[in-house]
Amino acid sequence: MRAVQVLRHMGMVFVDLVDGKVIQLDHEKWWDEYVMVNFPEHYAFYPSQDQIHSIVNEGLVCHGPFAGWDRE
């Protein structure tokens, strides 16, 4: 999955994933609905459904908020 590759390249280490995987949405159908349900107060911040479609088709990655921390 492209997002995992990009995050690992950024130095992120996946320590604990739900069911051991990153969830990937069907960007052609569910992006706008996903943002409205999960982040309605930040809807204008995220790319639109059309913009996400272009981002994915160009092989780029757009990641939203996720939990991260430094390890001692």
Protein backbone atom coordinates (compact mmCIF):
# COMPACT_ATOMS: atom_id res chain seq x y z
CA MET A 1 0.00 0.00 0.00
CA ARG A 2 1.46 3.34 -1.07
CA ALA A 3 0.58 5.19 2.16
CA VAL A 4 2.49 2.65 4.26
CA GLN A 5 5.53 2.98 2.01
CA VAL A 6 5.47 6.78 2.27
CA LEU A 7 5.07 6.78 6.05
CA ARG A 8 7.86 4.24 6.52
CA HIS A 9 10.07 6.39 4.29
CA MET A 10 9.29 9.31 6.64
CA GLY A 11 10.64 7.19 9.49
CA MET A 12 7.31 6.07 10.94
CA VAL A 13 7.20 2.66 12.56
CA PHE A 14 3.91 0.77 12.74
CA VAL A 15 3.76 -0.63 16.25
CA ASP A 16 0.07 -1.30 16.73
CA LEU A 17 -2.41 -1.44 13.87
CA VAL A 18 -6.06 -2.45 14.14
CA ASP A 19 -6.16 -5.99 12.74
CA GLY A 20 -2.57 -5.46 11.60
CA LYS A 21 -3.51 -3.28 8.62
CA VAL A 22 -4.07 0.25 7.41
CA ILE A 23 -7.60 0.87 6.17
CA GLN A 24 -7.87 2.15 2.64
CA LEU A 25 -11.09 3.80 1.50
CA ASP A 26 -12.63 3.54 -1.93
CA HIS A 27 -11.73 7.12 -2.85
CA GLU A 28 -14.11 7.17 -5.81
CA LYS A 29 -17.18 6.56 -3.63
CA TRP A 30 -16.61 7.24 0.05
CA TRP A 31 -14.16 10.10 0.58
CA ASP A 32 -16.60 13.01 1.07
CA GLU A 33 -18.86 10.90 3.28
CA TYR A 34 -15.91 9.68 5.36
CA VAL A 35 -14.70 13.23 6.01
CA MET A 36 -18.21 14.51 6.83
CA VAL A 37 -18.85 11.69 9.32
CA ASN A 38 -15.43 11.72 11.00
CA PHE A 39 -14.19 15.31 10.69
CA PRO A 40 -17.18 17.57 9.90
CA GLU A 41 -15.62 20.58 11.59
CA HIS A 42 -12.56 20.28 9.32
CA TYR A 43 -14.37 19.44 6.07
CA ALA A 44 -12.98 22.50 4.24
CA PHE A 45 -9.41 21.52 5.23
CA TYR A 46 -9.46 18.17 3.38
CA PRO A 47 -9.25 17.74 -0.40
CA SER A 48 -12.55 17.27 -2.21
CA GLN A 49 -13.67 13.95 -3.70
CA ASP A 50 -12.39 15.09 -7.13
CA GLN A 51 -9.08 16.29 -5.71
CA ILE A 52 -8.54 13.00 -3.86
CA HIS A 53 -9.27 11.11 -7.06
CA SER A 54 -6.54 13.12 -8.84
CA ILE A 55 -4.08 12.66 -5.97
CA VAL A 56 -4.52 8.88 -6.00
CA ASN A 57 -4.36 8.64 -9.80
CA GLU A 58 -1.06 10.57 -9.76
CA GLY A 59 0.39 8.05 -7.28
CA LEU A 60 0.57 10.62 -4.49
CA VAL A 61 -0.51 10.17 -0.89
CA CYS A 62 -2.78 12.31 1.25
CA HIS A 63 -2.94 11.24 4.87
CA GLY A 64 -5.22 12.66 7.50
CA PRO A 65 -4.73 12.73 11.24
CA PHE A 66 -3.29 9.70 12.93
CA ALA A 67 -1.78 8.99 16.32
CA GLY A 68 1.97 9.10 16.61
CA TRP A 69 4.55 9.45 19.32
CA ASP A 70 8.26 9.24 19.96
CA ARG A 71 9.67 6.17 21.66
CA GLU A 72 12.23 6.48 24.42
